[in-house]
């Protein structure tokens, strides 16, 4: 009985978190639509990136580096000690626009389980924002690399291939 009750509570908690995240994504899409031209939209993206917390020096190591980005990008996924683990994603870059892209990625993937991360279609959200057409090729490649890294780490944790070196 207690186990069933715990499962119901966990499911309720996960659903509430999904609803809240979806609301923030919808708000982001609305904000992009309200902004007139792409200069304003990129300014908004840069502002989003300015609120990104910096990584600690020990997090800026080669194993956390995202290859395929024009900018220097580091990304860590830290599992919470719960079952299933919920991941905190921390990332930083040396370019303001990329920091803004990271902010959107955190909105999409942060504080989710590996299954939720794998089910999330980040590229679809970037398409809704119009960023798929307005980012340079190198920025798009970097964005794909960041999403691929998040997805790969989630799959590794889910299928038992997780190592602390991967975070």
Foldseek 3Di string as FASTA:
>chain_A
DVVVVVVVVVVVVQVVVVVVLVVVLVVLLVVLVPDDDVVVVLVVLLVLLVPADDDDPVQLDPLQWQPLAPWTKGKDWDFDPDVVTFTAMHMDTPDSNVSSLVSLVCSQRHRHALVSLLPTDSVVSCVSSVVVVVPPPSRVRSSVSVSVLSNVQSVCSVVVNDDPSND
